[in-house]
Amino acid sequence: MQLNRGSEWRRWELHLHTPFTKKEDHYVGGTSDEKWDNFYDTIASYIGDGTDPIQSICAIAVTDYLSIDNYLKVCSDKRLPDSVKLVFPNVELRMKPIASKSPVNIHCLFDPSISGELESRFFANLKFEYDHNQYNATRPELIRLGRAFRGSQSMPEEEAFAIGLTQYVISPETLSDVFKNNPQLREKTIIVVSNNTTDGASGLRTHSEYFIGNGN
């Protein structure tokens, strides 16, 4: 059978933060439900019935810092338009060396088929050292890091988690080792580095330049 249709372009949105993203949540709404309703309604309004090839999006990467909680919620909610055929987790991290204003912004996009394994195969194997102690990137360890950084073991979990998350900056060697030691994980991951001058590869500078420039 001869097909008379050529290549077909499909639009992907690879960097989508949701309500309650772990940093800089700017979504509006008086309650949690209202925030999520506004989020889904905005997407549905933009995509419409999916017939406009410019606005129809077929794949979305739900992005968050050292977490796939919101990805799992989006998958569970099943409220995205029918034209969205694929949803996958995008874990955002901060990595040395320092760009012009902050550590480099790096993203790990994972095959959805391994989302249930990321806690043990990815987050638990990341490493960060603070005050001669080592921390992985699981939630309990980020809470422990936040409390250690503030010197308060009684700090509420959510506050400590937010602080630990902010402080967690990995080295290229750490990320390389995770995938070197787990080739199956590597095969199901795409790594993307920002090219922004403020937090990407274009703005790379030495640690000393960053700290001197910031008055430290």
Foldseek 3Di string as FASTA:
>chain_A
DDDPDDDDDAAEAEEDEAAPALPDRPFDDPDPVRSRVVVLVVLCVQCPLVPPRVRQHQEYEHEHELDCVVVVVCVVVVSHHPSHNYYWYKYWAFADDAFQAGGWIKIKTFDRVCPVVCVPLPQQQAWDDDPNDIFGSDLVRQLVQLCVVVVHPPPDSSNSNSSSSVPDYGYPVSVVVSCVVPVVRVVGIDMDTDCDRRRTPVGGDGPVCNCVVVVD
